[in-house]
Amino acid sequence: MTLIIDNTTELIAQRVRLEREVRGWSQAELAAHAGVSKAAVSKIERGEVSPTAALLVRLAGAFDLTLAGLLLRAEGEGGRLIRADEQPLWQDPGSGYRRTQVFMRPDHPLELVRVELPAGRRVTLPASSYAQIRQVVLVQSGELTLLEGQERHELHAGDCLGFGPPCEVTFVNGGEVPCTYLVALARR
C-alpha cells in the first residue's frame, strides 16, 4: 500500500499552489472561495502544516474537485488497474481518520474509498463537499453514526446509506473499536 502520509504535505502544497495559479487566483481569492483564512492557505502552500480532511475538502471544493480528485492530482494519475499495495493512504492529522483511495480516475465517473475511523472520533465535512457528487456509504465493520443535516443515521456492519441533498455531514464512531466503511462517489 502506498502510504502518502510522509510526503503528502509537500505534494499537497505544490498542488494547491498550482491549482490556484492555473485559475489566476491570489491566496486571498482561494481563501474566499474555500471559506478558509488566507493564513491557512499560505501555511499549506509553504508546507508548514498538514491540512485536516475538512480543510482539504473545502480547498478541493473551491477547485471544483472532490477530495480524491485533489489528492490524486497531488500524487499523479495511475492506470485503470490499481493493485492493493498501490492504493494511496492518507491520514487526517486531526482525527486519525485513514482514507484509502481504492479507485479514482479523471476519465471515470465513479470513485471508491475505504475509510477507517478510530473509536471515539468524528469528522465533519461541509455541504460544499457534496455539491457535485452523489455518495453511498457501506459499513464493513464497527458502528457509524452519520449526522446528515437534521437527520441521524445509525449504521452497523452491512448497512448502506445513500446521501440526500448536499448538507454538512458528520461521521461519528461512538464505539470502542475502529469503524471501517466504503464510500462510493459519482460525479453529477
N, C-alpha and C. Protein backbone atom coordinates (compact mmCIF):
# COMPACT_ATOMS: atom_id res chain seq x y z
N MET A 1 0.85 -1.17 0.00
CA MET A 1 0.00 0.00 0.00
C MET A 1 0.90 1.24 0.00
N THR A 2 0.57 2.20 -0.82
CA THR A 2 1.32 3.44 -0.89
C THR A 2 0.87 4.35 0.24
N LEU A 3 1.74 4.60 1.17
CA LEU A 3 1.42 5.48 2.29
C LEU A 3 1.88 6.87 1.91
N ILE A 4 0.93 7.79 1.72
CA ILE A 4 1.30 9.12 1.27
C ILE A 4 1.36 10.11 2.42
N ILE A 5 1.41 9.59 3.64
CA ILE A 5 1.46 10.48 4.79
C ILE A 5 2.80 11.21 4.85
N ASP A 6 3.90 10.51 4.56
CA ASP A 6 5.24 11.08 4.72
C ASP A 6 5.48 12.32 3.86
N ASN A 7 5.14 12.26 2.58
CA ASN A 7 5.42 13.39 1.70
C ASN A 7 4.15 14.10 1.24
N THR A 8 3.03 13.79 1.84
CA THR A 8 1.77 14.39 1.43
C THR A 8 1.75 15.90 1.60
N THR A 9 2.28 16.38 2.70
CA THR A 9 2.25 17.82 2.95
C THR A 9 2.91 18.58 1.81
N GLU A 10 4.05 18.11 1.36
CA GLU A 10 4.76 18.77 0.27
C GLU A 10 4.00 18.64 -1.05
N LEU A 11 3.48 17.45 -1.33
CA LEU A 11 2.73 17.24 -2.57
C LEU A 11 1.46 18.08 -2.61
N ILE A 12 0.76 18.13 -1.49
CA ILE A 12 -0.46 18.94 -1.42
C ILE A 12 -0.13 20.42 -1.56
N ALA A 13 0.94 20.85 -0.92
CA ALA A 13 1.36 22.26 -1.03
C ALA A 13 1.59 22.64 -2.49
N GLN A 14 2.31 21.79 -3.21
CA GLN A 14 2.59 22.07 -4.63
C GLN A 14 1.31 22.08 -5.45
N ARG A 15 0.41 21.11 -5.19
CA ARG A 15 -0.81 21.01 -5.98
C ARG A 15 -1.76 22.16 -5.71
N VAL A 16 -1.91 22.54 -4.44
CA VAL A 16 -2.80 23.66 -4.11
C VAL A 16 -2.29 24.94 -4.78
N ARG A 17 -0.99 25.17 -4.69
CA ARG A 17 -0.41 26.36 -5.33
C ARG A 17 -0.65 26.32 -6.84
N LEU A 18 -0.42 25.15 -7.48
CA LEU A 18 -0.61 25.02 -8.92
C LEU A 18 -2.07 25.23 -9.31
N GLU A 19 -3.00 24.59 -8.60
CA GLU A 19 -4.42 24.75 -8.91
C GLU A 19 -4.84 26.22 -8.78
N ARG A 20 -4.33 26.89 -7.74
CA ARG A 20 -4.66 28.30 -7.52
C ARG A 20 -4.10 29.16 -8.65
N GLU A 21 -2.84 28.92 -9.01
CA GLU A 21 -2.19 29.74 -10.05
C GLU A 21 -2.82 29.52 -11.42
N VAL A 22 -3.21 28.27 -11.72
CA VAL A 22 -3.86 27.98 -13.01
C VAL A 22 -5.14 28.80 -13.15
N ARG A 23 -5.82 29.03 -12.05
CA ARG A 23 -7.06 29.80 -12.07
C ARG A 23 -6.82 31.31 -11.99
N GLY A 24 -5.56 31.70 -11.79
CA GLY A 24 -5.23 33.11 -11.69
C GLY A 24 -5.69 33.74 -10.39
N TRP A 25 -5.85 32.94 -9.34
CA TRP A 25 -6.32 33.43 -8.06
C TRP A 25 -5.15 33.80 -7.15
N SER A 26 -5.37 34.80 -6.34
CA SER A 26 -4.43 35.10 -5.25
C SER A 26 -4.76 34.15 -4.10
N GLN A 27 -3.89 34.12 -3.09
CA GLN A 27 -4.20 33.31 -1.91
C GLN A 27 -5.48 33.79 -1.24
N ALA A 28 -5.70 35.09 -1.23
CA ALA A 28 -6.91 35.65 -0.63
C ALA A 28 -8.16 35.20 -1.39
N GLU A 29 -8.07 35.14 -2.73
CA GLU A 29 -9.21 34.71 -3.52
C GLU A 29 -9.51 33.22 -3.28
N LEU A 30 -8.47 32.39 -3.21
CA LEU A 30 -8.69 30.98 -2.89
C LEU A 30 -9.33 30.85 -1.52
N ALA A 31 -8.83 31.59 -0.56
CA ALA A 31 -9.38 31.54 0.80
C ALA A 31 -10.87 31.89 0.79
N ALA A 32 -11.23 32.91 0.02
CA ALA A 32 -12.64 33.31 -0.06
C ALA A 32 -13.50 32.22 -0.71
N HIS A 33 -13.00 31.63 -1.80
CA HIS A 33 -13.74 30.55 -2.48
C HIS A 33 -13.91 29.33 -1.57
N ALA A 34 -12.90 29.04 -0.75
CA ALA A 34 -12.93 27.84 0.10
C ALA A 34 -13.55 28.09 1.46
N GLY A 35 -13.71 29.36 1.83
CA GLY A 35 -14.26 29.67 3.15
C GLY A 35 -13.28 29.39 4.27
N VAL A 36 -11.99 29.63 3.99
CA VAL A 36 -10.94 29.45 4.99
C VAL A 36 -10.13 30.74 5.07
N SER A 37 -9.23 30.79 6.02
CA SER A 37 -8.42 32.01 6.16
C SER A 37 -7.28 32.03 5.15
N LYS A 38 -6.85 33.23 4.79
CA LYS A 38 -5.70 33.38 3.90
C LYS A 38 -4.46 32.80 4.56
N ALA A 39 -4.36 32.95 5.87
CA ALA A 39 -3.20 32.40 6.60
C ALA A 39 -3.14 30.88 6.44
N ALA A 40 -4.30 30.22 6.47
CA ALA A 40 -4.32 28.76 6.31
C ALA A 40 -3.82 28.37 4.92
N VAL A 41 -4.27 29.08 3.89
CA VAL A 41 -3.83 28.81 2.52
C VAL A 41 -2.32 29.02 2.42
N SER A 42 -1.83 30.11 2.98
CA SER A 42 -0.41 30.40 2.94
C SER A 42 0.42 29.31 3.63
N LYS A 43 -0.01 28.88 4.81
CA LYS A 43 0.72 27.83 5.54
C LYS A 43 0.72 26.51 4.77
N ILE A 44 -0.41 26.19 4.15
CA ILE A 44 -0.49 24.95 3.36
C ILE A 44 0.45 25.02 2.17
N GLU A 45 0.41 26.13 1.45
CA GLU A 45 1.26 26.27 0.26
C GLU A 45 2.75 26.27 0.61
N ARG A 46 3.10 26.72 1.79
CA ARG A 46 4.51 26.70 2.22
C ARG A 46 4.88 25.35 2.84
N GLY A 47 3.90 24.45 2.99
CA GLY A 47 4.17 23.15 3.56
C GLY A 47 4.41 23.18 5.05
N GLU A 48 3.92 24.22 5.72
CA GLU A 48 4.14 24.36 7.16
C GLU A 48 3.16 23.55 7.99
N VAL A 49 2.01 23.20 7.41
CA VAL A 49 1.01 22.42 8.14
C VAL A 49 0.50 21.30 7.24
N SER A 50 0.08 20.22 7.86
CA SER A 50 -0.60 19.15 7.16
C SER A 50 -2.09 19.39 7.36
N PRO A 51 -2.82 19.72 6.30
CA PRO A 51 -4.23 20.08 6.45
C PRO A 51 -5.10 18.91 6.88
N THR A 52 -6.17 19.23 7.59
CA THR A 52 -7.14 18.22 8.01
C THR A 52 -8.03 17.85 6.82
N ALA A 53 -8.81 16.78 6.98
CA ALA A 53 -9.73 16.35 5.94
C ALA A 53 -10.73 17.45 5.61
N ALA A 54 -11.27 18.09 6.64
CA ALA A 54 -12.27 19.14 6.42
C ALA A 54 -11.69 20.30 5.62
N LEU A 55 -10.46 20.69 5.93
CA LEU A 55 -9.82 21.79 5.21
C LEU A 55 -9.52 21.39 3.77
N LEU A 56 -9.04 20.17 3.56
CA LEU A 56 -8.77 19.70 2.20
C LEU A 56 -10.05 19.64 1.37
N VAL A 57 -11.15 19.22 1.99
CA VAL A 57 -12.43 19.16 1.27
C VAL A 57 -12.84 20.57 0.84
N ARG A 58 -12.65 21.54 1.69
CA ARG A 58 -13.00 22.92 1.34
C ARG A 58 -12.15 23.43 0.16
N LEU A 59 -10.85 23.14 0.21
CA LEU A 59 -9.97 23.56 -0.89
C LEU A 59 -10.34 22.84 -2.18
N ALA A 60 -10.57 21.53 -2.09
CA ALA A 60 -10.96 20.76 -3.27
C ALA A 60 -12.24 21.32 -3.87
N GLY A 61 -13.22 21.62 -3.01
CA GLY A 61 -14.48 22.18 -3.48
C GLY A 61 -14.30 23.51 -4.19
N ALA A 62 -13.39 24.34 -3.69
CA ALA A 62 -13.12 25.63 -4.34
C ALA A 62 -12.59 25.42 -5.75
N PHE A 63 -11.86 24.31 -5.95
CA PHE A 63 -11.31 23.99 -7.28
C PHE A 63 -12.28 23.15 -8.11
N ASP A 64 -13.50 22.92 -7.59
CA ASP A 64 -14.49 22.07 -8.23
C ASP A 64 -13.97 20.64 -8.40
N LEU A 65 -13.28 20.17 -7.36
CA LEU A 65 -12.76 18.81 -7.30
C LEU A 65 -13.30 18.12 -6.07
N THR A 66 -13.26 16.79 -6.06
CA THR A 66 -13.53 16.05 -4.84
C THR A 66 -12.21 15.95 -4.08
N LEU A 67 -12.28 15.52 -2.83
CA LEU A 67 -11.05 15.30 -2.06
C LEU A 67 -10.14 14.33 -2.79
N ALA A 68 -10.72 13.24 -3.29
CA ALA A 68 -9.93 12.25 -4.03
C ALA A 68 -9.29 12.86 -5.27
N GLY A 69 -10.04 13.70 -5.96
CA GLY A 69 -9.50 14.36 -7.15
C GLY A 69 -8.30 15.22 -6.83
N LEU A 70 -8.38 15.97 -5.73
CA LEU A 70 -7.25 16.81 -5.33
C LEU A 70 -6.05 15.95 -4.93
N LEU A 71 -6.29 14.91 -4.12
CA LEU A 71 -5.19 14.04 -3.70
C LEU A 71 -4.58 13.31 -4.89
N LEU A 72 -5.42 12.85 -5.82
CA LEU A 72 -4.91 12.16 -7.00
C LEU A 72 -4.03 13.09 -7.83
N ARG A 73 -4.47 14.31 -8.00
CA ARG A 73 -3.65 15.27 -8.75
C ARG A 73 -2.34 15.55 -8.03
N ALA A 74 -2.38 15.55 -6.70
CA ALA A 74 -1.16 15.80 -5.93
C ALA A 74 -0.15 14.69 -6.11
N GLU A 75 -0.61 13.47 -6.21
CA GLU A 75 0.33 12.34 -6.29
C GLU A 75 0.51 11.78 -7.69
N GLY A 76 -0.22 12.30 -8.68
CA GLY A 76 -0.08 11.81 -10.05
C GLY A 76 -1.13 10.77 -10.36
N GLU A 77 -1.48 10.66 -11.61
CA GLU A 77 -2.55 9.76 -12.03
C GLU A 77 -2.01 8.35 -12.27
N GLY A 78 -2.83 7.36 -11.99
CA GLY A 78 -2.46 5.96 -12.20
C GLY A 78 -3.22 5.37 -13.36
N GLY A 79 -3.10 4.05 -13.51
CA GLY A 79 -3.77 3.34 -14.59
C GLY A 79 -5.16 2.87 -14.17
N ARG A 80 -5.75 2.03 -15.03
CA ARG A 80 -7.08 1.52 -14.74
C ARG A 80 -7.07 0.47 -13.63
N LEU A 81 -5.98 -0.29 -13.54
CA LEU A 81 -5.85 -1.32 -12.51
C LEU A 81 -5.01 -0.76 -11.37
N ILE A 82 -5.58 -0.74 -10.19
CA ILE A 82 -4.86 -0.24 -9.02
C ILE A 82 -4.72 -1.41 -8.04
N ARG A 83 -3.52 -1.94 -7.94
CA ARG A 83 -3.24 -3.05 -7.04
C ARG A 83 -3.39 -2.59 -5.60
N ALA A 84 -3.73 -3.53 -4.71
CA ALA A 84 -3.96 -3.20 -3.31
C ALA A 84 -2.77 -2.47 -2.70
N ASP A 85 -1.55 -2.88 -3.03
CA ASP A 85 -0.37 -2.25 -2.44
C ASP A 85 -0.03 -0.90 -3.09
N GLU A 86 -0.79 -0.50 -4.12
CA GLU A 86 -0.57 0.78 -4.78
C GLU A 86 -1.64 1.81 -4.44
N GLN A 87 -2.64 1.41 -3.65
CA GLN A 87 -3.73 2.31 -3.31
C GLN A 87 -3.26 3.32 -2.27
N PRO A 88 -3.28 4.59 -2.61
CA PRO A 88 -2.77 5.62 -1.69
C PRO A 88 -3.57 5.70 -0.40
N LEU A 89 -2.85 5.87 0.68
CA LEU A 89 -3.44 6.00 2.01
C LEU A 89 -3.09 7.39 2.54
N TRP A 90 -4.09 8.06 3.07
CA TRP A 90 -3.88 9.37 3.67
C TRP A 90 -4.51 9.37 5.05
N GLN A 91 -3.84 9.99 6.00
CA GLN A 91 -4.37 10.05 7.36
C GLN A 91 -4.56 11.49 7.79
N ASP A 92 -5.76 11.79 8.29
CA ASP A 92 -6.08 13.12 8.81
C ASP A 92 -5.30 13.30 10.11
N PRO A 93 -4.45 14.32 10.18
CA PRO A 93 -3.66 14.52 11.40
C PRO A 93 -4.51 14.90 12.61
N GLY A 94 -5.70 15.40 12.38
CA GLY A 94 -6.55 15.82 13.49
C GLY A 94 -7.35 14.70 14.12
N SER A 95 -7.94 13.83 13.29
CA SER A 95 -8.85 12.80 13.81
C SER A 95 -8.28 11.39 13.77
N GLY A 96 -7.21 11.19 13.01
CA GLY A 96 -6.69 9.85 12.82
C GLY A 96 -7.45 9.07 11.75
N TYR A 97 -8.43 9.71 11.13
CA TYR A 97 -9.21 9.14 10.01
C TYR A 97 -8.24 8.70 8.93
N ARG A 98 -8.33 7.43 8.52
CA ARG A 98 -7.44 6.88 7.49
C ARG A 98 -8.25 6.60 6.24
N ARG A 99 -7.82 7.17 5.13
CA ARG A 99 -8.57 7.12 3.88
C ARG A 99 -7.73 6.46 2.80
N THR A 100 -8.20 5.33 2.29
CA THR A 100 -7.52 4.63 1.21
C THR A 100 -8.28 4.89 -0.08
N GLN A 101 -7.60 5.45 -1.06
CA GLN A 101 -8.22 5.71 -2.36
C GLN A 101 -8.16 4.41 -3.16
N VAL A 102 -9.24 3.65 -3.14
CA VAL A 102 -9.29 2.35 -3.80
C VAL A 102 -9.31 2.52 -5.31
N PHE A 103 -10.16 3.44 -5.81
CA PHE A 103 -10.24 3.68 -7.25
C PHE A 103 -10.64 5.12 -7.51
N MET A 104 -9.93 5.75 -8.44
CA MET A 104 -10.27 7.11 -8.89
C MET A 104 -9.49 7.38 -10.15
N ARG A 105 -10.19 7.82 -11.18
CA ARG A 105 -9.56 8.27 -12.42
C ARG A 105 -10.33 9.46 -12.94
N PRO A 106 -9.64 10.43 -13.50
CA PRO A 106 -10.34 11.61 -14.01
C PRO A 106 -11.29 11.30 -15.16
N ASP A 107 -11.06 10.19 -15.88
CA ASP A 107 -11.91 9.84 -17.01
C ASP A 107 -13.03 8.88 -16.64
N HIS A 108 -13.25 8.66 -15.35
CA HIS A 108 -14.29 7.71 -14.89
C HIS A 108 -15.18 8.43 -13.88
N PRO A 109 -16.51 8.25 -13.96
CA PRO A 109 -17.41 8.99 -13.07
C PRO A 109 -17.49 8.45 -11.63
N LEU A 110 -16.89 7.30 -11.36
CA LEU A 110 -17.02 6.67 -10.06
C LEU A 110 -15.71 6.71 -9.28
N GLU A 111 -15.80 6.94 -7.98
CA GLU A 111 -14.66 6.83 -7.07
C GLU A 111 -15.05 5.83 -5.99
N LEU A 112 -14.06 5.10 -5.50
CA LEU A 112 -14.28 4.17 -4.41
C LEU A 112 -13.21 4.41 -3.35
N VAL A 113 -13.66 4.61 -2.11
CA VAL A 113 -12.77 4.95 -1.00
C VAL A 113 -13.07 4.02 0.17
N ARG A 114 -12.02 3.59 0.88
CA ARG A 114 -12.19 2.83 2.12
C ARG A 114 -11.67 3.71 3.25
N VAL A 115 -12.48 3.84 4.30
CA VAL A 115 -12.14 4.70 5.43
C VAL A 115 -12.12 3.90 6.72
N GLU A 116 -11.14 4.19 7.56
CA GLU A 116 -11.14 3.65 8.92
C GLU A 116 -11.18 4.84 9.86
N LEU A 117 -12.25 4.90 10.64
CA LEU A 117 -12.44 5.98 11.61
C LEU A 117 -12.19 5.39 13.00
N PRO A 118 -11.17 5.90 13.71
CA PRO A 118 -10.84 5.35 15.03
C PRO A 118 -12.01 5.48 16.01
N ALA A 119 -12.00 4.62 17.01
CA ALA A 119 -13.03 4.65 18.06
C ALA A 119 -13.04 6.02 18.73
N GLY A 120 -14.25 6.50 18.99
CA GLY A 120 -14.41 7.77 19.70
C GLY A 120 -14.09 9.01 18.90
N ARG A 121 -13.95 8.89 17.60
CA ARG A 121 -13.59 10.05 16.76
C ARG A 121 -14.72 10.46 15.85
N ARG A 122 -14.61 11.68 15.33
CA ARG A 122 -15.61 12.22 14.41
C ARG A 122 -14.92 13.10 13.38
N VAL A 123 -15.53 13.19 12.22
CA VAL A 123 -15.07 14.05 11.14
C VAL A 123 -16.30 14.74 10.56
N THR A 124 -16.25 16.07 10.44
CA THR A 124 -17.35 16.83 9.86
C THR A 124 -16.89 17.41 8.54
N LEU A 125 -17.70 17.19 7.50
CA LEU A 125 -17.41 17.72 6.17
C LEU A 125 -18.52 18.68 5.76
N PRO A 126 -18.15 19.80 5.14
CA PRO A 126 -19.14 20.83 4.79
C PRO A 126 -20.02 20.40 3.63
N ALA A 127 -21.16 21.05 3.52
CA ALA A 127 -22.10 20.77 2.43
C ALA A 127 -21.45 20.94 1.06
N SER A 128 -20.52 21.88 0.94
CA SER A 128 -19.86 22.14 -0.34
C SER A 128 -19.14 20.91 -0.88
N SER A 129 -18.73 20.00 0.01
CA SER A 129 -18.01 18.81 -0.45
C SER A 129 -18.94 17.83 -1.17
N TYR A 130 -20.25 18.02 -1.05
CA TYR A 130 -21.21 17.12 -1.68
C TYR A 130 -21.96 17.78 -2.84
N ALA A 131 -21.60 19.00 -3.20
CA ALA A 131 -22.34 19.75 -4.20
C ALA A 131 -22.29 19.12 -5.59
N GLN A 132 -21.17 18.52 -5.96
CA GLN A 132 -21.02 17.99 -7.31
C GLN A 132 -20.99 16.46 -7.37
N ILE A 133 -21.34 15.80 -6.26
CA ILE A 133 -21.27 14.35 -6.24
C ILE A 133 -22.53 13.74 -5.62
N ARG A 134 -22.72 12.46 -5.85
CA ARG A 134 -23.70 11.64 -5.15
C ARG A 134 -22.88 10.60 -4.42
N GLN A 135 -23.28 10.22 -3.22
CA GLN A 135 -22.46 9.38 -2.39
C GLN A 135 -23.28 8.29 -1.69
N VAL A 136 -22.66 7.11 -1.55
CA VAL A 136 -23.24 5.99 -0.83
C VAL A 136 -22.18 5.47 0.14
N VAL A 137 -22.59 5.16 1.37
CA VAL A 137 -21.69 4.63 2.39
C VAL A 137 -22.15 3.22 2.76
N LEU A 138 -21.19 2.28 2.79
CA LEU A 138 -21.44 0.90 3.19
C LEU A 138 -20.51 0.57 4.36
N VAL A 139 -21.08 0.31 5.53
CA VAL A 139 -20.27 -0.01 6.70
C VAL A 139 -19.80 -1.46 6.59
N GLN A 140 -18.50 -1.67 6.72
CA GLN A 140 -17.92 -3.01 6.66
C GLN A 140 -17.77 -3.62 8.05
N SER A 141 -17.32 -2.80 9.02
CA SER A 141 -17.17 -3.29 10.38
C SER A 141 -17.32 -2.14 11.36
N GLY A 142 -17.75 -2.47 12.56
CA GLY A 142 -17.95 -1.45 13.58
C GLY A 142 -19.30 -0.77 13.43
N GLU A 143 -19.41 0.38 14.08
CA GLU A 143 -20.65 1.16 14.06
C GLU A 143 -20.33 2.58 13.63
N LEU A 144 -21.24 3.17 12.88
CA LEU A 144 -21.05 4.52 12.37
C LEU A 144 -22.35 5.29 12.52
N THR A 145 -22.26 6.47 13.11
CA THR A 145 -23.39 7.38 13.17
C THR A 145 -23.13 8.49 12.18
N LEU A 146 -24.10 8.75 11.31
CA LEU A 146 -23.99 9.85 10.36
C LEU A 146 -25.01 10.90 10.73
N LEU A 147 -24.53 12.11 10.95
CA LEU A 147 -25.39 13.25 11.20
C LEU A 147 -25.42 14.03 9.90
N GLU A 148 -26.54 13.89 9.20
CA GLU A 148 -26.70 14.47 7.87
C GLU A 148 -27.74 15.58 7.97
N GLY A 149 -27.26 16.82 8.13
CA GLY A 149 -28.19 17.91 8.37
C GLY A 149 -28.92 17.66 9.68
N GLN A 150 -30.25 17.59 9.63
CA GLN A 150 -31.06 17.34 10.82
C GLN A 150 -31.34 15.85 11.03
N GLU A 151 -30.88 15.00 10.12
CA GLU A 151 -31.14 13.57 10.22
C GLU A 151 -29.98 12.85 10.91
N ARG A 152 -30.33 11.81 11.66
CA ARG A 152 -29.33 10.98 12.34
C ARG A 152 -29.53 9.54 11.85
N HIS A 153 -28.44 8.93 11.39
CA HIS A 153 -28.49 7.57 10.88
C HIS A 153 -27.51 6.71 11.68
N GLU A 154 -28.00 5.61 12.26
CA GLU A 154 -27.16 4.66 12.99
C GLU A 154 -26.91 3.48 12.06
N LEU A 155 -25.65 3.25 11.70
CA LEU A 155 -25.30 2.19 10.76
C LEU A 155 -24.42 1.14 11.43
N HIS A 156 -24.67 -0.11 11.08
CA HIS A 156 -23.89 -1.24 11.58
C HIS A 156 -23.32 -2.00 10.38
N ALA A 157 -22.45 -2.96 10.63
CA ALA A 157 -21.83 -3.74 9.55
C ALA A 157 -22.89 -4.24 8.58
N GLY A 158 -22.68 -3.96 7.29
CA GLY A 158 -23.61 -4.37 6.24
C GLY A 158 -24.63 -3.33 5.86
N ASP A 159 -24.84 -2.32 6.71
CA ASP A 159 -25.81 -1.26 6.42
C ASP A 159 -25.25 -0.31 5.36
N CYS A 160 -26.14 0.19 4.52
CA CYS A 160 -25.76 1.08 3.43
C CYS A 160 -26.69 2.29 3.42
N LEU A 161 -26.12 3.47 3.20
CA LEU A 161 -26.90 4.71 3.18
C LEU A 161 -26.54 5.53 1.96
N GLY A 162 -27.55 5.91 1.18
CA GLY A 162 -27.37 6.86 0.09
C GLY A 162 -27.65 8.25 0.62
N PHE A 163 -26.74 9.18 0.38
CA PHE A 163 -26.88 10.53 0.90
C PHE A 163 -27.98 11.30 0.19
N GLY A 164 -28.59 12.23 0.93
CA GLY A 164 -29.61 13.10 0.39
C GLY A 164 -29.00 14.35 -0.22
N PRO A 165 -29.77 15.44 -0.27
CA PRO A 165 -29.26 16.70 -0.82
C PRO A 165 -28.03 17.17 -0.05
N PRO A 166 -27.15 17.93 -0.71
CA PRO A 166 -25.92 18.39 -0.04
C PRO A 166 -26.21 19.15 1.26
N CYS A 167 -25.54 18.74 2.32
CA CYS A 167 -25.60 19.42 3.61
C CYS A 167 -24.37 19.00 4.40
N GLU A 168 -24.12 19.68 5.50
CA GLU A 168 -23.00 19.30 6.35
C GLU A 168 -23.23 17.89 6.87
N VAL A 169 -22.19 17.06 6.86
CA VAL A 169 -22.29 15.67 7.32
C VAL A 169 -21.18 15.41 8.34
N THR A 170 -21.56 14.81 9.47
CA THR A 170 -20.59 14.41 10.48
C THR A 170 -20.60 12.89 10.59
N PHE A 171 -19.42 12.30 10.45
CA PHE A 171 -19.21 10.87 10.61
C PHE A 171 -18.72 10.66 12.03
N VAL A 172 -19.43 9.84 12.82
CA VAL A 172 -19.09 9.64 14.23
C VAL A 172 -18.91 8.15 14.51
N ASN A 173 -17.79 7.81 15.11
CA ASN A 173 -17.60 6.46 15.61
C ASN A 173 -17.67 6.53 17.12
N GLY A 174 -18.85 6.26 17.67
CA GLY A 174 -19.04 6.30 19.12
C GLY A 174 -18.72 4.98 19.79
N GLY A 175 -18.29 4.00 18.99
CA GLY A 175 -17.99 2.69 19.53
C GLY A 175 -16.60 2.60 20.15
N GLU A 176 -16.25 1.39 20.56
CA GLU A 176 -14.97 1.15 21.22
C GLU A 176 -13.93 0.52 20.29
N VAL A 177 -14.31 0.26 19.03
CA VAL A 177 -13.39 -0.30 18.04
C VAL A 177 -13.45 0.57 16.79
N PRO A 178 -12.41 0.52 15.96
CA PRO A 178 -12.45 1.29 14.72
C PRO A 178 -13.63 0.88 13.85
N CYS A 179 -14.12 1.81 13.07
CA CYS A 179 -15.18 1.55 12.10
C CYS A 179 -14.57 1.65 10.71
N THR A 180 -14.83 0.64 9.89
CA THR A 180 -14.35 0.66 8.51
C THR A 180 -15.57 0.72 7.60
N TYR A 181 -15.50 1.63 6.62
CA TYR A 181 -16.62 1.75 5.69
C TYR A 181 -16.12 2.10 4.30
N LEU A 182 -16.90 1.72 3.31
CA LEU A 182 -16.62 2.05 1.91
C LEU A 182 -17.50 3.23 1.51
N VAL A 183 -16.94 4.08 0.68
CA VAL A 183 -17.68 5.22 0.14
C VAL A 183 -17.59 5.14 -1.38
N ALA A 184 -18.74 5.09 -2.03
CA ALA A 184 -18.79 5.15 -3.49
C ALA A 184 -19.31 6.54 -3.85
N LEU A 185 -18.59 7.24 -4.72
CA LEU A 185 -18.98 8.59 -5.13
C LEU A 185 -19.10 8.63 -6.64
N ALA A 186 -20.13 9.29 -7.11
CA ALA A 186 -20.31 9.50 -8.54
C ALA A 186 -20.47 10.99 -8.77
N ARG A 187 -19.79 11.48 -9.78
CA ARG A 187 -19.91 12.91 -10.12
C ARG A 187 -21.24 13.13 -10.83
N ARG A 188 -21.83 14.30 -10.57
CA ARG A 188 -23.10 14.63 -11.25
C ARG A 188 -22.85 15.05 -12.66
